[in-house]
């Protein structure tokens, strides 16, 4: 590991740090991955890779960006607004509008590079960024193809609970708690973070889902100091009010590929999104893989499938 990247840089790829603003004026810290045989006089297809909810560009997104750059794409990864090395204060805020905007800002940046074909810009969204990437594509028609990895619909789970288990009373109790927290944050002039975050304590008694995340975010496998996996408590309110996938059908006729692990606890998000989406669409199941496996396990991540998907749809 060098510079807190969880993977060594390939000799077949060049990585360049870049900075640009989104429409809110927030500086976005990003990495641009390009093939070493790059010719700036040519036009390349561009891919935008979004991090898991709570993740940063030096983790799984860098793995995806590097592999896709090795396959001839120009790939951009970024830290979400108010997180990682991107701007925005107070820190660790999340918001559906902000995080969806970050994808469109990435399109702004890529699409103004002389070496990018504006008709060949796609998105790979990992975990929470799967939902944000889909939501961006619903309204940003410059995004010509979307692939998601272990997609997680943050708005749905915040508003409805795990597998839509919330009652109206559950939801109202959470909203009342957040409302009280807003008073406390206002008086303290500093927002409060959710209690649980990396490093995540886990042992043999930890529930399987918690252990799966702990083994990534809290060990050398995936740890990064900017990825504390926490957001401010009051961030949940906007997710409870603003669904992400309302207009998923409008992505058509642009293609949508949803990739999930066979054993992923979260696969219902992708399966339900697949049912809601219009053609062309595909649900691709990776054998013997869980949710977090597809963040970084290069022997399981279907890079050949991703290459074929974008190559075919960028013709």
C-alpha atoms as a PDB file:
ATOM      1  CA  UNK A   1       0.000   0.000   0.000  1.00  0.00           C
ATOM      2  CA  UNK A   2       1.333   3.438  -0.906  1.00  0.00           C
ATOM      3  CA  UNK A   3      -0.201   6.835  -0.107  1.00  0.00           C
ATOM      4  CA  UNK A   4      -3.146   5.022   1.508  1.00  0.00           C
ATOM      5  CA  UNK A   5      -4.223   3.422  -1.773  1.00  0.00           C
ATOM      6  CA  UNK A   6      -5.299  -0.155  -1.168  1.00  0.00           C
ATOM      7  CA  UNK A   7      -3.730  -1.387  -4.418  1.00  0.00           C
ATOM      8  CA  UNK A   8      -0.345  -0.799  -6.007  1.00  0.00           C
ATOM      9  CA  UNK A   9      -0.408   1.293  -9.163  1.00  0.00           C
ATOM     10  CA  UNK A  10      -0.064  -0.807 -12.298  1.00  0.00           C
ATOM     11  CA  UNK A  11       2.823  -0.115 -14.653  1.00  0.00           C
ATOM     12  CA  UNK A  12       0.224  -0.044 -17.437  1.00  0.00           C
ATOM     13  CA  UNK A  13      -1.639   2.934 -15.955  1.00  0.00           C
ATOM     14  CA  UNK A  14      -0.876   6.531 -15.073  1.00  0.00           C
ATOM     15  CA  UNK A  15      -2.768   8.148 -12.197  1.00  0.00           C
ATOM     16  CA  UNK A  16      -3.156  11.917 -11.980  1.00  0.00           C
ATOM     17  CA  UNK A  17      -4.743  13.903  -9.147  1.00  0.00           C
ATOM     18  CA  UNK A  18      -7.239  16.491 -10.396  1.00  0.00           C
ATOM     19  CA  UNK A  19      -9.473  19.107  -8.792  1.00  0.00           C
ATOM     20  CA  UNK A  20     -12.662  20.669 -10.116  1.00  0.00           C
ATOM     21  CA  UNK A  21     -15.856  22.242  -8.765  1.00  0.00           C
ATOM     22  CA  UNK A  22     -19.399  20.921  -8.745  1.00  0.00           C
ATOM     23  CA  UNK A  23     -22.398  23.189  -9.279  1.00  0.00           C
ATOM     24  CA  UNK A  24     -22.494  23.993  -5.557  1.00  0.00           C
ATOM     25  CA  UNK A  25     -18.965  25.413  -5.829  1.00  0.00           C
ATOM     26  CA  UNK A  26     -17.444  22.574  -3.802  1.00  0.00           C
ATOM     27  CA  UNK A  27     -13.960  21.456  -4.786  1.00  0.00           C
ATOM     28  CA  UNK A  28     -13.991  17.795  -5.787  1.00  0.00           C
ATOM     29  CA  UNK A  29     -10.787  15.837  -5.285  1.00  0.00           C
ATOM     30  CA  UNK A  30     -10.456  13.150  -7.942  1.00  0.00           C
ATOM     31  CA  UNK A  31      -8.004  10.773  -9.584  1.00  0.00           C
ATOM     32  CA  UNK A  32      -7.764  10.349 -13.332  1.00  0.00           C
ATOM     33  CA  UNK A  33      -6.529   6.953 -14.530  1.00  0.00           C
ATOM     34  CA  UNK A  34      -5.241   6.732 -18.099  1.00  0.00           C
ATOM     35  CA  UNK A  35      -3.532   3.960 -20.094  1.00  0.00           C
ATOM     36  CA  UNK A  36       0.244   4.317 -20.384  1.00  0.00           C
ATOM     37  CA  UNK A  37      -0.053   4.204 -24.185  1.00  0.00           C
ATOM     38  CA  UNK A  38      -2.371   7.224 -23.982  1.00  0.00           C
ATOM     39  CA  UNK A  39      -2.446   9.504 -27.039  1.00  0.00           C
ATOM     40  CA  UNK A  40      -3.924  12.910 -26.209  1.00  0.00           C
ATOM     41  CA  UNK A  41      -4.774  13.508 -29.861  1.00  0.00           C
ATOM     42  CA  UNK A  42      -7.256  10.603 -29.827  1.00  0.00           C
ATOM     43  CA  UNK A  43     -10.744  10.358 -28.354  1.00  0.00           C
ATOM     44  CA  UNK A  44     -11.327   7.909 -25.501  1.00  0.00           C
ATOM     45  CA  UNK A  45     -14.369   6.541 -23.735  1.00  0.00           C
ATOM     46  CA  UNK A  46     -14.620   7.867 -20.194  1.00  0.00           C
ATOM     47  CA  UNK A  47     -15.849   6.064 -17.078  1.00  0.00           C
ATOM     48  CA  UNK A  48     -16.804   7.611 -13.744  1.00  0.00           C
ATOM     49  CA  UNK A  49     -16.433   5.314 -10.744  1.00  0.00           C
ATOM     50  CA  UNK A  50     -18.302   6.185  -7.552  1.00  0.00           C
ATOM     51  CA  UNK A  51     -17.303   4.935  -4.098  1.00  0.00           C
ATOM     52  CA  UNK A  52     -19.413   2.904  -1.683  1.00  0.00           C
ATOM     53  CA  UNK A  53     -21.427   4.998   0.773  1.00  0.00           C
ATOM     54  CA  UNK A  54     -18.779   6.080   3.273  1.00  0.00           C
ATOM     55  CA  UNK A  55     -15.897   5.097   1.002  1.00  0.00           C
ATOM     56  CA  UNK A  56     -13.269   7.152  -0.808  1.00  0.00           C
ATOM     57  CA  UNK A  57     -11.451   7.039  -4.128  1.00  0.00           C
ATOM     58  CA  UNK A  58      -8.331   5.323  -2.775  1.00  0.00           C
ATOM     59  CA  UNK A  59     -10.268   2.142  -1.969  1.00  0.00           C
ATOM     60  CA  UNK A  60     -12.397   0.020  -4.318  1.00  0.00           C
ATOM     61  CA  UNK A  61     -12.982   2.784  -6.893  1.00  0.00           C
ATOM     62  CA  UNK A  62      -9.243   2.903  -7.570  1.00  0.00           C
ATOM     63  CA  UNK A  63      -9.218  -0.837  -8.213  1.00  0.00           C
ATOM     64  CA  UNK A  64     -12.021  -0.487 -10.754  1.00  0.00           C
ATOM     65  CA  UNK A  65     -10.521   2.619 -12.357  1.00  0.00           C
ATOM     66  CA  UNK A  66      -7.119   0.993 -12.740  1.00  0.00           C
ATOM     67  CA  UNK A  67      -8.491  -2.179 -14.300  1.00  0.00           C
ATOM     68  CA  UNK A  68     -10.706  -0.274 -16.734  1.00  0.00           C
ATOM     69  CA  UNK A  69      -7.799   2.016 -17.690  1.00  0.00           C
ATOM     70  CA  UNK A  70      -5.708  -1.079 -18.403  1.00  0.00           C
ATOM     71  CA  UNK A  71      -8.479  -2.045 -20.817  1.00  0.00           C
ATOM     72  CA  UNK A  72      -8.253   1.227 -22.711  1.00  0.00           C
ATOM     73  CA  UNK A  73     -10.751   3.493 -20.939  1.00  0.00           C
ATOM     74  CA  UNK A  74     -10.024   6.784 -19.216  1.00  0.00           C
ATOM     75  CA  UNK A  75     -11.436   6.447 -15.696  1.00  0.00           C
ATOM     76  CA  UNK A  76     -12.197   9.071 -13.053  1.00  0.00           C
ATOM     77  CA  UNK A  77     -12.727   8.406  -9.353  1.00  0.00           C
ATOM     78  CA  UNK A  78     -13.665  11.060  -6.802  1.00  0.00           C
ATOM     79  CA  UNK A  79     -14.284  11.760  -3.139  1.00  0.00           C
ATOM     80  CA  UNK A  80     -17.896  12.813  -2.506  1.00  0.00           C
ATOM     81  CA  UNK A  81     -18.618  16.382  -1.433  1.00  0.00           C
ATOM     82  CA  UNK A  82     -17.902  17.092   2.247  1.00  0.00           C
ATOM     83  CA  UNK A  83     -15.887  13.871   2.489  1.00  0.00           C
ATOM     84  CA  UNK A  84     -12.379  12.573   1.817  1.00  0.00           C
ATOM     85  CA  UNK A  85     -10.113  15.215   0.292  1.00  0.00           C
ATOM     86  CA  UNK A  86     -13.021  17.023  -1.371  1.00  0.00           C
ATOM     87  CA  UNK A  87     -14.186  20.369  -0.009  1.00  0.00           C
ATOM     88  CA  UNK A  88     -17.227  21.252   2.026  1.00  0.00           C
ATOM     89  CA  UNK A  89     -17.660  22.100   5.678  1.00  0.00           C
ATOM     90  CA  UNK A  90     -18.843  20.823   8.113  1.00  0.00           C
ATOM     91  CA  UNK A  91     -17.333  17.452   7.335  1.00  0.00           C
ATOM     92  CA  UNK A  92     -19.076  14.106   6.755  1.00  0.00           C
ATOM     93  CA  UNK A  93     -22.368  15.486   5.500  1.00  0.00           C
ATOM     94  CA  UNK A  94     -24.272  13.321   3.027  1.00  0.00           C
ATOM     95  CA  UNK A  95     -27.230  14.261   0.885  1.00  0.00           C
ATOM     96  CA  UNK A  96     -28.948  12.654  -2.106  1.00  0.00           C
ATOM     97  CA  UNK A  97     -28.850  15.869  -4.107  1.00  0.00           C
ATOM     98  CA  UNK A  98     -25.164  16.475  -3.338  1.00  0.00           C
ATOM     99  CA  UNK A  99     -24.027  12.943  -4.047  1.00  0.00           C
ATOM    100  CA  UNK A 100     -26.011  12.713  -7.284  1.00  0.00           C
ATOM    101  CA  UNK A 101     -24.626  16.100  -8.349  1.00  0.00           C
ATOM    102  CA  UNK A 102     -21.094  14.798  -7.826  1.00  0.00           C
ATOM    103  CA  UNK A 103     -21.650  12.379 -10.712  1.00  0.00           C
ATOM    104  CA  UNK A 104     -22.835  15.133 -13.029  1.00  0.00           C
ATOM    105  CA  UNK A 105     -19.858  17.268 -11.992  1.00  0.00           C
ATOM    106  CA  UNK A 106     -17.617  14.367 -12.977  1.00  0.00           C
ATOM    107  CA  UNK A 107     -19.321  14.338 -16.387  1.00  0.00           C
ATOM    108  CA  UNK A 108     -18.671  18.097 -16.625  1.00  0.00           C
ATOM    109  CA  UNK A 109     -14.984  17.485 -16.002  1.00  0.00           C
ATOM    110  CA  UNK A 110     -14.543  14.473 -18.296  1.00  0.00           C
ATOM    111  CA  UNK A 111     -16.659  15.946 -21.066  1.00  0.00           C
ATOM    112  CA  UNK A 112     -14.484  19.058 -21.249  1.00  0.00           C
ATOM    113  CA  UNK A 113     -11.276  17.068 -21.749  1.00  0.00           C
ATOM    114  CA  UNK A 114     -10.138  17.214 -25.376  1.00  0.00           C
ATOM    115  CA  UNK A 115      -9.322  13.488 -25.336  1.00  0.00           C
ATOM    116  CA  UNK A 116     -12.797  12.317 -24.209  1.00  0.00           C
ATOM    117  CA  UNK A 117     -15.612  11.418 -26.591  1.00  0.00           C
ATOM    118  CA  UNK A 118     -18.667  13.064 -25.036  1.00  0.00           C
ATOM    119  CA  UNK A 119     -20.880  10.377 -26.531  1.00  0.00           C
ATOM    120  CA  UNK A 120     -18.970   7.689 -24.654  1.00  0.00           C
ATOM    121  CA  UNK A 121     -19.212   8.596 -20.971  1.00  0.00           C
ATOM    122  CA  UNK A 122     -20.450   5.955 -18.553  1.00  0.00           C
ATOM    123  CA  UNK A 123     -20.805   5.320 -14.836  1.00  0.00           C
ATOM    124  CA  UNK A 124     -19.812   2.496 -12.509  1.00  0.00           C
ATOM    125  CA  UNK A 125     -21.429   2.953  -9.102  1.00  0.00           C
ATOM    126  CA  UNK A 126     -20.353   0.768  -6.179  1.00  0.00           C
ATOM    127  CA  UNK A 127     -22.784   0.138  -3.291  1.00  0.00           C
ATOM    128  CA  UNK A 128     -24.433   3.471  -2.400  1.00  0.00           C
ATOM    129  CA  UNK A 129     -22.965   5.072  -5.501  1.00  0.00           C
ATOM    130  CA  UNK A 130     -24.941   2.559  -7.526  1.00  0.00           C
ATOM    131  CA  UNK A 131     -28.087   4.351  -6.424  1.00  0.00           C
ATOM    132  CA  UNK A 132     -26.524   7.790  -6.884  1.00  0.00           C
ATOM    133  CA  UNK A 133     -25.223   6.883 -10.342  1.00  0.00           C
ATOM    134  CA  UNK A 134     -28.614   5.586 -11.461  1.00  0.00           C
ATOM    135  CA  UNK A 135     -30.276   8.718 -10.082  1.00  0.00           C
ATOM    136  CA  UNK A 136     -27.815  10.953 -11.933  1.00  0.00           C
ATOM    137  CA  UNK A 137     -28.422   9.102 -15.211  1.00  0.00           C
ATOM    138  CA  UNK A 138     -32.186   9.570 -14.820  1.00  0.00           C
ATOM    139  CA  UNK A 139     -31.757  13.299 -15.431  1.00  0.00           C
ATOM    140  CA  UNK A 140     -28.273  13.639 -16.929  1.00  0.00           C
ATOM    141  CA  UNK A 141     -28.589  12.197 -20.406  1.00  0.00           C
ATOM    142  CA  UNK A 142     -24.891  12.779 -21.054  1.00  0.00           C
ATOM    143  CA  UNK A 143     -24.379   9.525 -19.125  1.00  0.00           C
ATOM    144  CA  UNK A 144     -24.688   6.943 -21.897  1.00  0.00           C
ATOM    145  CA  UNK A 145     -24.431   3.688 -19.906  1.00  0.00           C
ATOM    146  CA  UNK A 146     -24.658   2.709 -16.243  1.00  0.00           C
ATOM    147  CA  UNK A 147     -23.268  -0.285 -14.370  1.00  0.00           C
ATOM    148  CA  UNK A 148     -23.796  -0.838 -10.661  1.00  0.00           C
ATOM    149  CA  UNK A 149     -21.869  -3.072  -8.278  1.00  0.00           C
ATOM    150  CA  UNK A 150     -23.597  -4.351  -5.111  1.00  0.00           C
ATOM    151  CA  UNK A 151     -26.065  -1.483  -5.500  1.00  0.00           C
ATOM    152  CA  UNK A 152     -27.538  -0.088  -2.287  1.00  0.00           C
ATOM    153  CA  UNK A 153     -30.478   2.331  -2.317  1.00  0.00           C
ATOM    154  CA  UNK A 154     -29.624   4.633   0.599  1.00  0.00           C
ATOM    155  CA  UNK A 155     -32.871   6.616   0.368  1.00  0.00           C
ATOM    156  CA  UNK A 156     -35.022   3.494   0.408  1.00  0.00           C
ATOM    157  CA  UNK A 157     -33.362   1.956   3.436  1.00  0.00           C
ATOM    158  CA  UNK A 158     -33.287   5.280   5.307  1.00  0.00           C
ATOM    159  CA  UNK A 159     -36.961   5.921   4.676  1.00  0.00           C
ATOM    160  CA  UNK A 160     -38.376   2.399   4.822  1.00  0.00           C
ATOM    161  CA  UNK A 161     -35.888   0.401   6.870  1.00  0.00           C
ATOM    162  CA  UNK A 162     -34.212  -2.872   6.047  1.00  0.00           C
ATOM    163  CA  UNK A 163     -36.348  -4.748   3.512  1.00  0.00           C
ATOM    164  CA  UNK A 164     -39.035  -2.079   3.956  1.00  0.00           C
ATOM    165  CA  UNK A 165     -39.684  -3.133   7.552  1.00  0.00           C
ATOM    166  CA  UNK A 166     -40.489   0.292   9.046  1.00  0.00           C
ATOM    167  CA  UNK A 167     -43.942   1.078  10.274  1.00  0.00           C
ATOM    168  CA  UNK A 168     -45.193   4.643  10.142  1.00  0.00           C
ATOM    169  CA  UNK A 169     -44.481   4.831  13.878  1.00  0.00           C
ATOM    170  CA  UNK A 170     -40.878   3.709  13.327  1.00  0.00           C
ATOM    171  CA  UNK A 171     -40.365   6.347  10.680  1.00  0.00           C
ATOM    172  CA  UNK A 172     -41.945   9.122  12.745  1.00  0.00           C
ATOM    173  CA  UNK A 173     -39.857   8.214  15.794  1.00  0.00           C
ATOM    174  CA  UNK A 174     -36.673   8.472  13.738  1.00  0.00           C
ATOM    175  CA  UNK A 175     -37.738  11.809  12.283  1.00  0.00           C
ATOM    176  CA  UNK A 176     -38.573  13.129  15.754  1.00  0.00           C
ATOM    177  CA  UNK A 177     -35.142  12.051  16.974  1.00  0.00           C
ATOM    178  CA  UNK A 178     -33.424  13.766  14.047  1.00  0.00           C
ATOM    179  CA  UNK A 179     -35.456  16.921  14.658  1.00  0.00           C
ATOM    180  CA  UNK A 180     -34.216  17.053  18.262  1.00  0.00           C
ATOM    181  CA  UNK A 181     -30.683  16.457  17.031  1.00  0.00           C
ATOM    182  CA  UNK A 182     -30.984  19.460  14.762  1.00  0.00           C
ATOM    183  CA  UNK A 183     -31.638  21.683  17.810  1.00  0.00           C
ATOM    184  CA  UNK A 184     -28.560  20.267  19.534  1.00  0.00           C
ATOM    185  CA  UNK A 185     -26.393  20.695  16.445  1.00  0.00           C
ATOM    186  CA  UNK A 186     -27.614  24.258  15.965  1.00  0.00           C
ATOM    187  CA  UNK A 187     -26.753  25.246  19.503  1.00  0.00           C
ATOM    188  CA  UNK A 188     -23.390  23.482  19.393  1.00  0.00           C
ATOM    189  CA  UNK A 189     -22.600  24.940  15.949  1.00  0.00           C
ATOM    190  CA  UNK A 190     -21.264  21.500  15.067  1.00  0.00           C
ATOM    191  CA  UNK A 191     -23.151  18.482  13.699  1.00  0.00           C
ATOM    192  CA  UNK A 192     -23.050  15.180  15.534  1.00  0.00           C
ATOM    193  CA  UNK A 193     -21.791  12.063  13.784  1.00  0.00           C
ATOM    194  CA  UNK A 194     -23.571   8.741  13.899  1.00  0.00           C
ATOM    195  CA  UNK A 195     -21.961   6.637  16.581  1.00  0.00           C
ATOM    196  CA  UNK A 196     -20.708   3.695  14.564  1.00  0.00           C
ATOM    197  CA  UNK A 197     -17.829   4.068  12.147  1.00  0.00           C
ATOM    198  CA  UNK A 198     -14.464   2.702  11.089  1.00  0.00           C
ATOM    199  CA  UNK A 199     -12.464   1.313  12.650  1.00  0.00           C
ATOM    200  CA  UNK A 200     -15.401  -0.995  13.254  1.00  0.00           C
ATOM    201  CA  UNK A 201     -14.965  -3.333  16.175  1.00  0.00           C
ATOM    202  CA  UNK A 202     -15.821  -6.918  15.343  1.00  0.00           C
ATOM    203  CA  UNK A 203     -15.143 -10.420  16.586  1.00  0.00           C
ATOM    204  CA  UNK A 204     -16.507 -13.938  16.183  1.00  0.00           C
ATOM    205  CA  UNK A 205     -19.787 -12.838  17.792  1.00  0.00           C
ATOM    206  CA  UNK A 206     -20.412  -9.912  15.432  1.00  0.00           C
ATOM    207  CA  UNK A 207     -23.405 -10.298  13.122  1.00  0.00           C
ATOM    208  CA  UNK A 208     -22.367 -11.449   9.619  1.00  0.00           C
ATOM    209  CA  UNK A 209     -23.163  -8.149   7.907  1.00  0.00           C
ATOM    210  CA  UNK A 210     -21.272  -6.096  10.479  1.00  0.00           C
ATOM    211  CA  UNK A 211     -18.316  -8.441  10.250  1.00  0.00           C
ATOM    212  CA  UNK A 212     -18.311  -8.227   6.443  1.00  0.00           C
ATOM    213  CA  UNK A 213     -17.934  -4.448   6.591  1.00  0.00           C
ATOM    214  CA  UNK A 214     -15.506  -4.539   9.518  1.00  0.00           C
ATOM    215  CA  UNK A 215     -13.181  -6.912   7.704  1.00  0.00           C
ATOM    216  CA  UNK A 216     -12.928  -4.378   4.893  1.00  0.00           C
ATOM    217  CA  UNK A 217     -13.037  -0.922   6.467  1.00  0.00           C
ATOM    218  CA  UNK A 218     -11.145  -1.714   9.675  1.00  0.00           C
ATOM    219  CA  UNK A 219      -8.281  -3.891   8.464  1.00  0.00           C
ATOM    220  CA  UNK A 220      -5.368  -3.210   6.084  1.00  0.00           C
ATOM    221  CA  UNK A 221      -7.526  -4.738   3.355  1.00  0.00           C
ATOM    222  CA  UNK A 222      -9.593  -1.574   2.971  1.00  0.00           C
ATOM    223  CA  UNK A 223      -8.828   0.890   5.767  1.00  0.00           C
ATOM    224  CA  UNK A 224      -8.344   4.537   4.838  1.00  0.00           C
ATOM    225  CA  UNK A 225      -8.221   7.417   7.358  1.00  0.00           C
ATOM    226  CA  UNK A 226     -10.698   9.427   5.260  1.00  0.00           C
ATOM    227  CA  UNK A 227     -13.205   6.586   5.220  1.00  0.00           C
ATOM    228  CA  UNK A 228     -14.698   6.610   8.708  1.00  0.00           C
ATOM    229  CA  UNK A 229     -18.006   5.275   7.294  1.00  0.00           C
ATOM    230  CA  UNK A 230     -19.931   7.797   9.406  1.00  0.00           C
ATOM    231  CA  UNK A 231     -22.095  10.697   8.367  1.00  0.00           C
ATOM    232  CA  UNK A 232     -23.824  13.342  10.419  1.00  0.00           C
ATOM    233  CA  UNK A 233     -26.972  12.116  12.172  1.00  0.00           C
ATOM    234  CA  UNK A 234     -29.131  14.782  10.543  1.00  0.00           C
ATOM    235  CA  UNK A 235     -28.041  13.750   7.030  1.00  0.00           C
ATOM    236  CA  UNK A 236     -30.614  10.959   7.136  1.00  0.00           C
ATOM    237  CA  UNK A 237     -33.533  13.404   7.018  1.00  0.00           C
ATOM    238  CA  UNK A 238     -33.023  14.351   3.367  1.00  0.00           C
ATOM    239  CA  UNK A 239     -32.648  10.705   2.333  1.00  0.00           C
ATOM    240  CA  UNK A 240     -35.942   9.930   4.065  1.00  0.00           C
ATOM    241  CA  UNK A 241     -37.605  12.623   1.961  1.00  0.00           C
ATOM    242  CA  UNK A 242     -36.005  12.223  -1.467  1.00  0.00           C
ATOM    243  CA  UNK A 243     -36.161   8.822  -3.215  1.00  0.00           C
ATOM    244  CA  UNK A 244     -33.341   8.087  -5.651  1.00  0.00           C
ATOM    245  CA  UNK A 245     -34.826   5.733  -8.246  1.00  0.00           C
ATOM    246  CA  UNK A 246     -38.217   7.309  -9.001  1.00  0.00           C
ATOM    247  CA  UNK A 247     -37.415   7.864 -12.688  1.00  0.00           C
ATOM    248  CA  UNK A 248     -35.311   4.759 -13.372  1.00  0.00           C
ATOM    249  CA  UNK A 249     -37.371   3.948 -16.470  1.00  0.00           C
ATOM    250  CA  UNK A 250     -36.167   7.194 -18.052  1.00  0.00           C
ATOM    251  CA  UNK A 251     -32.647   5.798 -18.387  1.00  0.00           C
ATOM    252  CA  UNK A 252     -33.914   3.729 -21.322  1.00  0.00           C
ATOM    253  CA  UNK A 253     -32.900   3.385 -24.132  1.00  0.00           C
ATOM    254  CA  UNK A 254     -29.491   3.812 -22.509  1.00  0.00           C
ATOM    255  CA  UNK A 255     -28.324   0.458 -21.074  1.00  0.00           C
ATOM    256  CA  UNK A 256     -28.273  -0.516 -17.410  1.00  0.00           C
ATOM    257  CA  UNK A 257     -26.207  -3.369 -15.952  1.00  0.00           C
ATOM    258  CA  UNK A 258     -26.753  -4.397 -12.324  1.00  0.00           C
ATOM    259  CA  UNK A 259     -24.040  -6.658 -10.901  1.00  0.00           C
ATOM    260  CA  UNK A 260     -24.592  -8.465  -7.599  1.00  0.00           C
ATOM    261  CA  UNK A 261     -22.937 -11.217  -5.641  1.00  0.00           C
ATOM    262  CA  UNK A 262     -24.761 -14.522  -5.382  1.00  0.00           C
ATOM    263  CA  UNK A 263     -24.664 -14.364  -1.581  1.00  0.00           C
ATOM    264  CA  UNK A 264     -24.970 -10.585  -1.158  1.00  0.00           C
ATOM    265  CA  UNK A 265     -27.329  -9.658   1.665  1.00  0.00           C
ATOM    266  CA  UNK A 266     -28.191  -6.535  -0.341  1.00  0.00           C
ATOM    267  CA  UNK A 267     -29.164  -8.199  -3.599  1.00  0.00           C
ATOM    268  CA  UNK A 268     -32.833  -7.255  -3.228  1.00  0.00           C
ATOM    269  CA  UNK A 269     -31.959  -3.639  -4.074  1.00  0.00           C
ATOM    270  CA  UNK A 270     -30.576  -4.651  -7.476  1.00  0.00           C
ATOM    271  CA  UNK A 271     -33.306  -7.211  -8.126  1.00  0.00           C
ATOM    272  CA  UNK A 272     -36.040  -4.668  -7.420  1.00  0.00           C
ATOM    273  CA  UNK A 273     -34.292  -1.974  -9.478  1.00  0.00           C
ATOM    274  CA  UNK A 274     -34.031  -4.437 -12.352  1.00  0.00           C
ATOM    275  CA  UNK A 275     -37.776  -5.058 -12.229  1.00  0.00           C
ATOM    276  CA  UNK A 276     -38.491  -1.319 -12.243  1.00  0.00           C
ATOM    277  CA  UNK A 277     -36.076  -0.429 -15.048  1.00  0.00           C
ATOM    278  CA  UNK A 278     -36.934  -0.476 -18.740  1.00  0.00           C
ATOM    279  CA  UNK A 279     -34.952  -2.252 -21.440  1.00  0.00           C
ATOM    280  CA  UNK A 280     -32.128  -2.573 -22.226  1.00  0.00           C
ATOM    281  CA  UNK A 281     -31.197  -3.932 -18.812  1.00  0.00           C
ATOM    282  CA  UNK A 282     -29.314  -6.873 -17.376  1.00  0.00           C
ATOM    283  CA  UNK A 283     -28.950  -8.417 -13.941  1.00  0.00           C
ATOM    284  CA  UNK A 284     -25.616 -10.212 -13.616  1.00  0.00           C
ATOM    285  CA  UNK A 285     -24.983 -12.486 -10.623  1.00  0.00           C
ATOM    286  CA  UNK A 286     -21.390 -13.229  -9.589  1.00  0.00           C
ATOM    287  CA  UNK A 287     -21.114 -16.792  -8.240  1.00  0.00           C
ATOM    288  CA  UNK A 288     -19.816 -17.285  -4.692  1.00  0.00           C
ATOM    289  CA  UNK A 289     -19.589 -13.537  -4.006  1.00  0.00           C
ATOM    290  CA  UNK A 290     -21.047 -11.444  -1.209  1.00  0.00           C
ATOM    291  CA  UNK A 291     -21.694  -7.713  -1.046  1.00  0.00           C
ATOM    292  CA  UNK A 292     -18.284  -6.401   0.039  1.00  0.00           C
ATOM    293  CA  UNK A 293     -16.392  -9.018  -1.984  1.00  0.00           C
ATOM    294  CA  UNK A 294     -17.059  -6.937  -5.082  1.00  0.00           C
ATOM    295  CA  UNK A 295     -15.342  -3.887  -3.564  1.00  0.00           C
ATOM    296  CA  UNK A 296     -11.838  -5.263  -3.936  1.00  0.00           C
ATOM    297  CA  UNK A 297     -11.548  -8.985  -4.686  1.00  0.00           C
ATOM    298  CA  UNK A 298     -10.183  -8.877  -8.207  1.00  0.00           C
ATOM    299  CA  UNK A 299     -10.642 -12.621  -8.681  1.00  0.00           C
ATOM    300  CA  UNK A 300     -14.401 -12.139  -8.250  1.00  0.00           C
ATOM    301  CA  UNK A 301     -15.026  -8.728  -9.835  1.00  0.00           C
ATOM    302  CA  UNK A 302     -16.282  -9.362 -13.405  1.00  0.00           C
ATOM    303  CA  UNK A 303     -14.026  -6.903 -15.207  1.00  0.00           C
ATOM    304  CA  UNK A 304     -14.435  -8.764 -18.506  1.00  0.00           C
ATOM    305  CA  UNK A 305     -18.193  -8.273 -18.224  1.00  0.00           C
ATOM    306  CA  UNK A 306     -17.769  -4.554 -17.544  1.00  0.00           C
ATOM    307  CA  UNK A 307     -15.379  -4.143 -20.457  1.00  0.00           C
ATOM    308  CA  UNK A 308     -17.762  -5.936 -22.814  1.00  0.00           C
ATOM    309  CA  UNK A 309     -20.773  -3.932 -21.563  1.00  0.00           C
ATOM    310  CA  UNK A 310     -19.200  -0.527 -22.120  1.00  0.00           C
ATOM    311  CA  UNK A 311     -17.381  -1.491 -25.327  1.00  0.00           C
ATOM    312  CA  UNK A 312     -20.584  -2.811 -26.903  1.00  0.00           C
ATOM    313  CA  UNK A 313     -22.685   0.146 -25.842  1.00  0.00           C
ATOM    314  CA  UNK A 314     -20.135   2.795 -26.806  1.00  0.00           C
ATOM    315  CA  UNK A 315     -19.952   1.752 -30.463  1.00  0.00           C
END
